[in-house]
Amino acid sequence: MPELPEVETIKNAVAKGIGCCRILDLMIRNRNLREKVPTDIEKKVKDTKILSYNRLAKYIAIELSNQIVLLWHMGMSGKVKIIDKMPDVLDKHDHIVMTTENGIVIYNDPRRFGLFTYCPKAELAHCRWLKNVGLDPFDKKLDADYLYEKLRNHAKTPIKISLLDQTIIAGIGNIYASEILYESRITPMRLSGEVSLDECANLIKNTQKVLAKAIAAGGSTLRDYKKPDGSMGYFQQQHCVYNKTGQKCPDCCCDIAKTGGIKRLIMGGRSTFYCESRQK
């Protein structure tokens, strides 16, 4: 699933590719995504002007001139293509085609777990998709006291699971949770209630560090994800532990013939990677 850096990369690419322009047409070829695409969305969107682009948690929010905001979630396998003119034949999984003055944006989603809907701007913060999300990792309100209190409310939950809890911090996904915990030298099995205030400050610092590096690299390409220009994200080349079972971590000083290198375990149904020598 595209995580925060991938969504930020897609949002920036669409903003750069077509900018703030008029939407000429919207074609919905398949409404059966995670939730059905609203039947009136074409009428709401056509002939409006795009005013701004934002990322809210893992959603792309596109503000339109009629006080409507398009909300767009990539789901498990969603990809975006930006092209100059309509192809002769659309791909099977090209479900949404938005034609603008500056080009065509196509949403392709083989698994159809994405979301494409709209919300009145005045109701955005309270809409059901966003009302329960936590602070953004780059929000100035995200500090050690906030995180410490939230973790105390989930004291018996492993810290890896708490980092994935979108009601605490919005946007961290499975890949980056492993990388953040490695940078913070905290084992993913540590209970949230055992994380100190100083460690919370360090977690926030490393969350922002890891995510900023991933955004700069265009995200991580593991399976389905590609940038809108068709190229790959390259942050996977900088992963310290994710998907590196049995290898040395970047700061390794142990004998991996004895330690077995980076470990993999399943937590909450997701693969988790860590160095038991460096993370305590």
C-alpha atoms as a PDB file:
ATOM      1  CA  MET A   1       0.000   0.000   0.000  1.00  0.00           C
ATOM      2  CA  PRO A   2       1.327   3.467  -0.805  1.00  0.00           C
ATOM      3  CA  GLU A   3       2.305   5.061   2.522  1.00  0.00           C
ATOM      4  CA  LEU A   4       2.825   8.717   3.397  1.00  0.00           C
ATOM      5  CA  PRO A   5       5.975   9.276   1.274  1.00  0.00           C
ATOM      6  CA  GLU A   6       4.402   7.610  -1.764  1.00  0.00           C
ATOM      7  CA  VAL A   7       1.169   9.600  -1.381  1.00  0.00           C
ATOM      8  CA  GLU A   8       3.174  12.819  -0.977  1.00  0.00           C
ATOM      9  CA  THR A   9       5.138  11.942  -4.126  1.00  0.00           C
ATOM     10  CA  ILE A  10       1.946  11.285  -6.110  1.00  0.00           C
ATOM     11  CA  LYS A  11       0.317  14.485  -4.841  1.00  0.00           C
ATOM     12  CA  ASN A  12       3.365  16.556  -5.783  1.00  0.00           C
ATOM     13  CA  ALA A  13       3.557  14.935  -9.214  1.00  0.00           C
ATOM     14  CA  VAL A  14      -0.098  15.670 -10.001  1.00  0.00           C
ATOM     15  CA  ALA A  15       0.293  19.247  -8.752  1.00  0.00           C
ATOM     16  CA  LYS A  16       3.368  19.705 -10.926  1.00  0.00           C
ATOM     17  CA  GLY A  17       1.890  17.839 -13.895  1.00  0.00           C
ATOM     18  CA  ILE A  18      -1.400  19.685 -14.290  1.00  0.00           C
ATOM     19  CA  GLY A  19      -1.271  22.453 -11.677  1.00  0.00           C
ATOM     20  CA  CYS A  20      -4.231  24.634 -10.786  1.00  0.00           C
ATOM     21  CA  CYS A  21      -6.328  24.399 -13.908  1.00  0.00           C
ATOM     22  CA  ARG A  22      -9.902  23.764 -15.042  1.00  0.00           C
ATOM     23  CA  ILE A  23     -11.295  20.235 -15.077  1.00  0.00           C
ATOM     24  CA  LEU A  24     -12.940  19.630 -18.452  1.00  0.00           C
ATOM     25  CA  ASP A  25     -14.354  16.168 -17.854  1.00  0.00           C
ATOM     26  CA  LEU A  26     -14.410  13.268 -15.397  1.00  0.00           C
ATOM     27  CA  MET A  27     -14.976   9.714 -16.590  1.00  0.00           C
ATOM     28  CA  ILE A  28     -15.745   6.989 -14.041  1.00  0.00           C
ATOM     29  CA  ARG A  29     -15.258   3.629 -15.740  1.00  0.00           C
ATOM     30  CA  ASN A  30     -15.765   1.549 -12.608  1.00  0.00           C
ATOM     31  CA  ARG A  31     -17.481   2.862  -9.464  1.00  0.00           C
ATOM     32  CA  ASN A  32     -16.825  -0.283  -7.452  1.00  0.00           C
ATOM     33  CA  LEU A  33     -13.806   0.748  -5.425  1.00  0.00           C
ATOM     34  CA  ARG A  34     -13.501   0.282  -1.631  1.00  0.00           C
ATOM     35  CA  GLU A  35     -16.654   2.399  -1.531  1.00  0.00           C
ATOM     36  CA  LYS A  36     -18.737   3.193  -4.561  1.00  0.00           C
ATOM     37  CA  VAL A  37     -17.689   6.375  -6.304  1.00  0.00           C
ATOM     38  CA  PRO A  38     -20.570   8.868  -5.800  1.00  0.00           C
ATOM     39  CA  THR A  39     -22.987   8.924  -8.729  1.00  0.00           C
ATOM     40  CA  ASP A  40     -23.008  12.725  -8.848  1.00  0.00           C
ATOM     41  CA  ILE A  41     -19.256  13.273  -8.689  1.00  0.00           C
ATOM     42  CA  GLU A  42     -18.954  13.978 -12.430  1.00  0.00           C
ATOM     43  CA  LYS A  43     -21.461  16.816 -12.136  1.00  0.00           C
ATOM     44  CA  LYS A  44     -19.730  18.175  -9.020  1.00  0.00           C
ATOM     45  CA  VAL A  45     -16.296  18.209 -10.635  1.00  0.00           C
ATOM     46  CA  LYS A  46     -16.823  19.149 -14.286  1.00  0.00           C
ATOM     47  CA  ASP A  47     -15.961  22.744 -15.201  1.00  0.00           C
ATOM     48  CA  THR A  48     -14.535  23.553 -11.776  1.00  0.00           C
ATOM     49  CA  LYS A  49     -11.028  24.882 -11.229  1.00  0.00           C
ATOM     50  CA  ILE A  50      -8.440  23.203  -9.038  1.00  0.00           C
ATOM     51  CA  LEU A  51      -7.332  25.650  -6.336  1.00  0.00           C
ATOM     52  CA  SER A  52      -4.864  23.626  -4.268  1.00  0.00           C
ATOM     53  CA  TYR A  53      -3.433  20.204  -3.449  1.00  0.00           C
ATOM     54  CA  ASN A  54      -2.854  18.844   0.035  1.00  0.00           C
ATOM     55  CA  ARG A  55      -2.037  15.534   1.686  1.00  0.00           C
ATOM     56  CA  LEU A  56      -4.161  14.639   4.699  1.00  0.00           C
ATOM     57  CA  ALA A  57      -2.819  11.457   6.332  1.00  0.00           C
ATOM     58  CA  LYS A  58      -2.720   9.023   3.357  1.00  0.00           C
ATOM     59  CA  TYR A  59      -5.341  10.951   1.377  1.00  0.00           C
ATOM     60  CA  ILE A  60      -4.781  13.410  -1.447  1.00  0.00           C
ATOM     61  CA  ALA A  61      -7.135  16.372  -1.015  1.00  0.00           C
ATOM     62  CA  ILE A  62      -7.801  18.520  -4.099  1.00  0.00           C
ATOM     63  CA  GLU A  63      -9.709  21.726  -3.376  1.00  0.00           C
ATOM     64  CA  LEU A  64     -12.029  22.905  -6.150  1.00  0.00           C
ATOM     65  CA  SER A  65     -13.484  26.328  -6.929  1.00  0.00           C
ATOM     66  CA  ASN A  66     -17.019  25.275  -5.932  1.00  0.00           C
ATOM     67  CA  GLN A  67     -16.045  24.684  -2.267  1.00  0.00           C
ATOM     68  CA  ILE A  68     -15.771  20.932  -2.842  1.00  0.00           C
ATOM     69  CA  VAL A  69     -12.687  18.869  -1.934  1.00  0.00           C
ATOM     70  CA  LEU A  70     -11.858  15.687  -3.823  1.00  0.00           C
ATOM     71  CA  LEU A  71     -10.579  12.986  -1.468  1.00  0.00           C
ATOM     72  CA  TRP A  72      -8.400  10.349  -3.058  1.00  0.00           C
ATOM     73  CA  HIS A  73      -6.865   7.278  -1.396  1.00  0.00           C
ATOM     74  CA  MET A  74      -4.593   4.934  -3.333  1.00  0.00           C
ATOM     75  CA  GLY A  75      -5.661   1.758  -1.504  1.00  0.00           C
ATOM     76  CA  MET A  76      -3.447  -1.323  -1.801  1.00  0.00           C
ATOM     77  CA  SER A  77      -2.431  -1.044  -5.436  1.00  0.00           C
ATOM     78  CA  GLY A  78      -3.511   2.351  -6.754  1.00  0.00           C
ATOM     79  CA  LYS A  79      -1.337   4.124  -9.326  1.00  0.00           C
ATOM     80  CA  VAL A  80      -1.666   7.468 -11.082  1.00  0.00           C
ATOM     81  CA  LYS A  81      -0.672   8.238 -14.657  1.00  0.00           C
ATOM     82  CA  ILE A  82      -0.354  11.748 -16.084  1.00  0.00           C
ATOM     83  CA  ILE A  83      -0.462  11.979 -19.881  1.00  0.00           C
ATOM     84  CA  ASP A  84      -0.866  14.680 -22.508  1.00  0.00           C
ATOM     85  CA  LYS A  85      -3.644  13.109 -24.573  1.00  0.00           C
ATOM     86  CA  MET A  86      -6.167  10.300 -24.339  1.00  0.00           C
ATOM     87  CA  PRO A  87      -4.722   6.919 -25.400  1.00  0.00           C
ATOM     88  CA  ASP A  88      -6.453   4.926 -28.127  1.00  0.00           C
ATOM     89  CA  VAL A  89      -7.160   2.159 -25.605  1.00  0.00           C
ATOM     90  CA  LEU A  90      -7.401   2.492 -21.846  1.00  0.00           C
ATOM     91  CA  ASP A  91      -6.022  -0.233 -19.590  1.00  0.00           C
ATOM     92  CA  LYS A  92      -8.438  -2.674 -17.954  1.00  0.00           C
ATOM     93  CA  HIS A  93      -7.897  -1.190 -14.497  1.00  0.00           C
ATOM     94  CA  ASP A  94      -7.965   2.485 -15.518  1.00  0.00           C
ATOM     95  CA  HIS A  95     -11.054   3.217 -13.445  1.00  0.00           C
ATOM     96  CA  ILE A  96     -11.017   7.026 -13.315  1.00  0.00           C
ATOM     97  CA  VAL A  97      -9.994   9.453 -16.059  1.00  0.00           C
ATOM     98  CA  MET A  98      -9.871  13.182 -15.314  1.00  0.00           C
ATOM     99  CA  THR A  99      -9.337  15.458 -18.299  1.00  0.00           C
ATOM    100  CA  THR A 100      -8.022  18.944 -17.567  1.00  0.00           C
ATOM    101  CA  GLU A 101      -6.780  21.947 -19.512  1.00  0.00           C
ATOM    102  CA  ASN A 102      -3.216  20.827 -18.801  1.00  0.00           C
ATOM    103  CA  GLY A 103      -3.403  17.087 -19.335  1.00  0.00           C
ATOM    104  CA  ILE A 104      -5.116  13.861 -18.346  1.00  0.00           C
ATOM    105  CA  VAL A 105      -4.875  12.140 -14.957  1.00  0.00           C
ATOM    106  CA  ILE A 106      -5.719   8.421 -14.834  1.00  0.00           C
ATOM    107  CA  TYR A 107      -6.268   6.365 -11.693  1.00  0.00           C
ATOM    108  CA  ASN A 108      -5.399   2.688 -12.131  1.00  0.00           C
ATOM    109  CA  ASP A 109      -6.228   0.255  -9.317  1.00  0.00           C
ATOM    110  CA  PRO A 110      -6.159  -3.514  -9.988  1.00  0.00           C
ATOM    111  CA  ARG A 111      -7.375  -4.474  -6.506  1.00  0.00           C
ATOM    112  CA  ARG A 112      -9.940  -1.655  -6.285  1.00  0.00           C
ATOM    113  CA  PHE A 113      -9.264  -0.914  -2.596  1.00  0.00           C
ATOM    114  CA  GLY A 114      -8.825   2.799  -3.262  1.00  0.00           C
ATOM    115  CA  LEU A 115     -11.255   5.623  -2.599  1.00  0.00           C
ATOM    116  CA  PHE A 116     -12.345   8.502  -4.833  1.00  0.00           C
ATOM    117  CA  THR A 117     -15.007  10.735  -3.356  1.00  0.00           C
ATOM    118  CA  TYR A 118     -15.737  14.333  -2.382  1.00  0.00           C
ATOM    119  CA  CYS A 119     -16.620  16.380   0.664  1.00  0.00           C
ATOM    120  CA  PRO A 120     -17.751  19.983   1.167  1.00  0.00           C
ATOM    121  CA  LYS A 121     -14.727  22.030   2.245  1.00  0.00           C
ATOM    122  CA  ALA A 122     -16.512  23.289   5.364  1.00  0.00           C
ATOM    123  CA  GLU A 123     -17.065  19.698   6.541  1.00  0.00           C
ATOM    124  CA  LEU A 124     -13.654  18.275   5.670  1.00  0.00           C
ATOM    125  CA  ALA A 125     -12.194  18.045   9.180  1.00  0.00           C
ATOM    126  CA  HIS A 126     -15.306  16.266  10.428  1.00  0.00           C
ATOM    127  CA  CYS A 127     -15.969  13.920   7.506  1.00  0.00           C
ATOM    128  CA  ARG A 128     -15.982  10.234   8.375  1.00  0.00           C
ATOM    129  CA  TRP A 129     -12.731   9.507   6.545  1.00  0.00           C
ATOM    130  CA  LEU A 130     -10.701  12.097   8.450  1.00  0.00           C
ATOM    131  CA  LYS A 131     -12.445  12.862  11.739  1.00  0.00           C
ATOM    132  CA  ASN A 132     -10.563  10.196  13.725  1.00  0.00           C
ATOM    133  CA  VAL A 133      -7.075  10.587  12.273  1.00  0.00           C
ATOM    134  CA  GLY A 134      -4.227  11.627  14.537  1.00  0.00           C
ATOM    135  CA  LEU A 135      -1.649  14.333  13.990  1.00  0.00           C
ATOM    136  CA  ASP A 136       0.411  14.422  10.819  1.00  0.00           C
ATOM    137  CA  PRO A 137       4.060  13.443  11.366  1.00  0.00           C
ATOM    138  CA  PHE A 138       5.118  16.948  10.302  1.00  0.00           C
ATOM    139  CA  ASP A 139       2.495  18.791  12.361  1.00  0.00           C
ATOM    140  CA  LYS A 140       4.073  21.243  14.816  1.00  0.00           C
ATOM    141  CA  LYS A 141       1.614  20.003  17.441  1.00  0.00           C
ATOM    142  CA  LEU A 142       3.265  16.584  17.368  1.00  0.00           C
ATOM    143  CA  ASP A 143       5.622  16.671  20.337  1.00  0.00           C
ATOM    144  CA  ALA A 144       6.935  14.290  22.985  1.00  0.00           C
ATOM    145  CA  ASP A 145       4.180  15.104  25.474  1.00  0.00           C
ATOM    146  CA  TYR A 146       1.448  14.332  22.930  1.00  0.00           C
ATOM    147  CA  LEU A 147       2.995  11.013  21.905  1.00  0.00           C
ATOM    148  CA  TYR A 148       3.827  10.012  25.487  1.00  0.00           C
ATOM    149  CA  GLU A 149       0.218  10.532  26.540  1.00  0.00           C
ATOM    150  CA  LYS A 150      -1.141   8.614  23.559  1.00  0.00           C
ATOM    151  CA  LEU A 151       1.203   5.693  24.187  1.00  0.00           C
ATOM    152  CA  ARG A 152       0.167   5.598  27.835  1.00  0.00           C
ATOM    153  CA  ASN A 153      -3.403   5.110  26.621  1.00  0.00           C
ATOM    154  CA  HIS A 154      -2.158   2.065  24.679  1.00  0.00           C
ATOM    155  CA  ALA A 155       0.265   0.886  27.357  1.00  0.00           C
ATOM    156  CA  LYS A 156      -0.076  -2.858  26.655  1.00  0.00           C
ATOM    157  CA  THR A 157       0.182  -2.495  22.881  1.00  0.00           C
ATOM    158  CA  PRO A 158       3.562  -3.151  21.200  1.00  0.00           C
ATOM    159  CA  ILE A 159       5.104   0.096  19.994  1.00  0.00           C
ATOM    160  CA  LYS A 160       5.172  -1.113  16.363  1.00  0.00           C
ATOM    161  CA  ILE A 161       1.390  -1.536  16.429  1.00  0.00           C
ATOM    162  CA  SER A 162       0.952   1.888  18.044  1.00  0.00           C
ATOM    163  CA  LEU A 163       3.002   3.531  15.291  1.00  0.00           C
ATOM    164  CA  LEU A 164       0.614   2.012  12.747  1.00  0.00           C
ATOM    165  CA  ASP A 165      -2.421   3.341  14.642  1.00  0.00           C
ATOM    166  CA  GLN A 166      -3.702   6.161  12.429  1.00  0.00           C
ATOM    167  CA  THR A 167      -5.566   7.734  15.349  1.00  0.00           C
ATOM    168  CA  ILE A 168      -2.221   8.470  17.034  1.00  0.00           C
ATOM    169  CA  ILE A 169      -0.003   9.578  14.139  1.00  0.00           C
ATOM    170  CA  ALA A 170      -1.548   9.649  10.667  1.00  0.00           C
ATOM    171  CA  GLY A 171       0.370   8.327   7.696  1.00  0.00           C
ATOM    172  CA  ILE A 172       2.972   5.892   9.063  1.00  0.00           C
ATOM    173  CA  GLY A 173       2.719   2.520   7.345  1.00  0.00           C
ATOM    174  CA  ASN A 174       4.390  -0.843   7.803  1.00  0.00           C
ATOM    175  CA  ILE A 175       7.625  -0.157   5.934  1.00  0.00           C
ATOM    176  CA  TYR A 176       8.383   3.089   7.696  1.00  0.00           C
ATOM    177  CA  ALA A 177       7.411   1.873  11.158  1.00  0.00           C
ATOM    178  CA  SER A 178      10.220  -0.701  10.986  1.00  0.00           C
ATOM    179  CA  GLU A 179      12.689   1.905   9.744  1.00  0.00           C
ATOM    180  CA  ILE A 180      11.677   4.475  12.382  1.00  0.00           C
ATOM    181  CA  LEU A 181      12.057   1.972  15.205  1.00  0.00           C
ATOM    182  CA  TYR A 182      15.491   0.962  13.933  1.00  0.00           C
ATOM    183  CA  GLU A 183      16.633   4.590  13.833  1.00  0.00           C
ATOM    184  CA  SER A 184      15.243   5.016  17.351  1.00  0.00           C
ATOM    185  CA  ARG A 185      16.929   1.820  18.628  1.00  0.00           C
ATOM    186  CA  ILE A 186      13.615   0.536  20.001  1.00  0.00           C
ATOM    187  CA  THR A 187      12.542  -3.060  19.472  1.00  0.00           C
ATOM    188  CA  PRO A 188       9.106  -3.389  17.864  1.00  0.00           C
ATOM    189  CA  MET A 189       7.981  -5.683  20.691  1.00  0.00           C
ATOM    190  CA  ARG A 190       8.512  -3.068  23.418  1.00  0.00           C
ATOM    191  CA  LEU A 191       5.193  -2.196  25.048  1.00  0.00           C
ATOM    192  CA  SER A 192       4.040   1.354  24.347  1.00  0.00           C
ATOM    193  CA  GLY A 193       3.726   2.063  28.046  1.00  0.00           C
ATOM    194  CA  GLU A 194       7.452   1.366  28.478  1.00  0.00           C
ATOM    195  CA  VAL A 195       8.545   4.083  26.046  1.00  0.00           C
ATOM    196  CA  SER A 196       9.962   7.056  27.959  1.00  0.00           C
ATOM    197  CA  LEU A 197       9.314  10.749  27.310  1.00  0.00           C
ATOM    198  CA  ASP A 198      12.839  11.178  25.919  1.00  0.00           C
ATOM    199  CA  GLU A 199      12.322   8.177  23.656  1.00  0.00           C
ATOM    200  CA  CYS A 200       9.076   9.731  22.423  1.00  0.00           C
ATOM    201  CA  ALA A 201      11.010  12.846  21.421  1.00  0.00           C
ATOM    202  CA  ASN A 202      13.524  10.659  19.611  1.00  0.00           C
ATOM    203  CA  LEU A 203      10.757   8.703  17.882  1.00  0.00           C
ATOM    204  CA  ILE A 204       9.244  11.919  16.534  1.00  0.00           C
ATOM    205  CA  LYS A 205      12.634  13.182  15.331  1.00  0.00           C
ATOM    206  CA  ASN A 206      13.342   9.899  13.548  1.00  0.00           C
ATOM    207  CA  THR A 207       9.819   9.674  12.125  1.00  0.00           C
ATOM    208  CA  GLN A 208      10.305  13.021  10.436  1.00  0.00           C
ATOM    209  CA  LYS A 209      13.843  12.109   9.364  1.00  0.00           C
ATOM    210  CA  VAL A 210      12.877   8.773   7.784  1.00  0.00           C
ATOM    211  CA  LEU A 211       9.758  10.121   6.070  1.00  0.00           C
ATOM    212  CA  ALA A 212      11.571  13.200   4.723  1.00  0.00           C
ATOM    213  CA  LYS A 213      14.325  11.005   3.242  1.00  0.00           C
ATOM    214  CA  ALA A 214      11.701   8.708   1.717  1.00  0.00           C
ATOM    215  CA  ILE A 215       9.825  11.633   0.152  1.00  0.00           C
ATOM    216  CA  ALA A 216      13.088  12.951  -1.311  1.00  0.00           C
ATOM    217  CA  ALA A 217      13.720   9.493  -2.820  1.00  0.00           C
ATOM    218  CA  GLY A 218      10.223   9.285  -4.318  1.00  0.00           C
ATOM    219  CA  GLY A 219       9.012   6.641  -1.866  1.00  0.00           C
ATOM    220  CA  SER A 220       9.671   2.895  -1.820  1.00  0.00           C
ATOM    221  CA  THR A 221       8.918   0.617  -4.769  1.00  0.00           C
ATOM    222  CA  LEU A 222       8.317  -2.935  -3.557  1.00  0.00           C
ATOM    223  CA  ARG A 223       5.494  -4.342  -5.669  1.00  0.00           C
ATOM    224  CA  ASP A 224       2.750  -2.211  -7.176  1.00  0.00           C
ATOM    225  CA  TYR A 225       3.959   1.312  -6.511  1.00  0.00           C
ATOM    226  CA  LYS A 226       5.329   3.506  -9.269  1.00  0.00           C
ATOM    227  CA  LYS A 227       5.606   7.265  -9.467  1.00  0.00           C
ATOM    228  CA  PRO A 228       3.137   8.958 -11.833  1.00  0.00           C
ATOM    229  CA  ASP A 229       5.830   9.286 -14.514  1.00  0.00           C
ATOM    230  CA  GLY A 230       6.198   5.486 -14.478  1.00  0.00           C
ATOM    231  CA  SER A 231       9.555   5.483 -12.701  1.00  0.00           C
ATOM    232  CA  MET A 232      10.279   3.733  -9.425  1.00  0.00           C
ATOM    233  CA  GLY A 233      10.739   5.175  -5.970  1.00  0.00           C
ATOM    234  CA  TYR A 234      14.247   4.553  -4.657  1.00  0.00           C
ATOM    235  CA  PHE A 235      13.988   4.683  -0.875  1.00  0.00           C
ATOM    236  CA  GLN A 236      14.028   0.875  -0.708  1.00  0.00           C
ATOM    237  CA  GLN A 237      17.743   1.184  -1.528  1.00  0.00           C
ATOM    238  CA  GLN A 238      18.133   3.043   1.770  1.00  0.00           C
ATOM    239  CA  HIS A 239      16.126   0.635   3.937  1.00  0.00           C
ATOM    240  CA  CYS A 240      18.083  -0.317   7.029  1.00  0.00           C
ATOM    241  CA  VAL A 241      16.027  -3.324   8.128  1.00  0.00           C
ATOM    242  CA  TYR A 242      12.831  -3.660   6.104  1.00  0.00           C
ATOM    243  CA  ASN A 243      12.839  -6.852   4.019  1.00  0.00           C
ATOM    244  CA  LYS A 244      16.487  -7.553   4.930  1.00  0.00           C
ATOM    245  CA  THR A 245      16.094 -10.752   6.955  1.00  0.00           C
ATOM    246  CA  GLY A 246      19.434 -12.347   7.807  1.00  0.00           C
ATOM    247  CA  GLN A 247      21.518  -9.395   6.622  1.00  0.00           C
ATOM    248  CA  LYS A 248      23.653  -6.977   8.607  1.00  0.00           C
ATOM    249  CA  CYS A 249      22.132  -3.701   9.664  1.00  0.00           C
ATOM    250  CA  PRO A 250      24.052  -0.541   8.612  1.00  0.00           C
ATOM    251  CA  ASP A 251      25.559  -0.147  12.090  1.00  0.00           C
ATOM    252  CA  CYS A 252      26.295  -3.839  12.587  1.00  0.00           C
ATOM    253  CA  CYS A 253      29.215  -4.728  14.828  1.00  0.00           C
ATOM    254  CA  CYS A 254      28.119  -8.252  15.748  1.00  0.00           C
ATOM    255  CA  ASP A 255      28.921 -11.670  14.304  1.00  0.00           C
ATOM    256  CA  ILE A 256      25.832 -12.420  12.228  1.00  0.00           C
ATOM    257  CA  ALA A 257      26.918 -16.047  11.994  1.00  0.00           C
ATOM    258  CA  LYS A 258      25.957 -16.122  15.659  1.00  0.00           C
ATOM    259  CA  THR A 259      23.157 -13.559  15.780  1.00  0.00           C
ATOM    260  CA  GLY A 260      21.466 -14.440  12.484  1.00  0.00           C
ATOM    261  CA  GLY A 261      21.371 -10.811  11.383  1.00  0.00           C
ATOM    262  CA  ILE A 262      18.145  -8.870  10.948  1.00  0.00           C
ATOM    263  CA  LYS A 263      15.093 -10.719  12.241  1.00  0.00           C
ATOM    264  CA  ARG A 264      11.601 -10.957  10.790  1.00  0.00           C
ATOM    265  CA  LEU A 265       8.422 -11.595  12.737  1.00  0.00           C
ATOM    266  CA  ILE A 266       4.704 -11.118  12.175  1.00  0.00           C
ATOM    267  CA  MET A 267       2.940  -8.461  14.245  1.00  0.00           C
ATOM    268  CA  GLY A 268      -0.682  -7.594  13.655  1.00  0.00           C
ATOM    269  CA  GLY A 269      -0.602  -9.670  10.483  1.00  0.00           C
ATOM    270  CA  ARG A 270       2.267  -7.618   9.020  1.00  0.00           C
ATOM    271  CA  SER A 271       5.943  -8.441   8.526  1.00  0.00           C
ATOM    272  CA  THR A 272       8.192  -6.643  10.980  1.00  0.00           C
ATOM    273  CA  PHE A 273      11.967  -6.355  10.694  1.00  0.00           C
ATOM    274  CA  TYR A 274      14.476  -5.404  13.402  1.00  0.00           C
ATOM    275  CA  CYS A 275      17.999  -5.859  14.695  1.00  0.00           C
ATOM    276  CA  GLU A 276      17.913  -7.501  18.111  1.00  0.00           C
ATOM    277  CA  SER A 277      21.462  -6.285  18.842  1.00  0.00           C
ATOM    278  CA  ARG A 278      20.757  -2.611  18.178  1.00  0.00           C
ATOM    279  CA  GLN A 279      17.097  -2.394  19.203  1.00  0.00           C
ATOM    280  CA  LYS A 280      16.120  -2.895  22.822  1.00  0.00           C
END
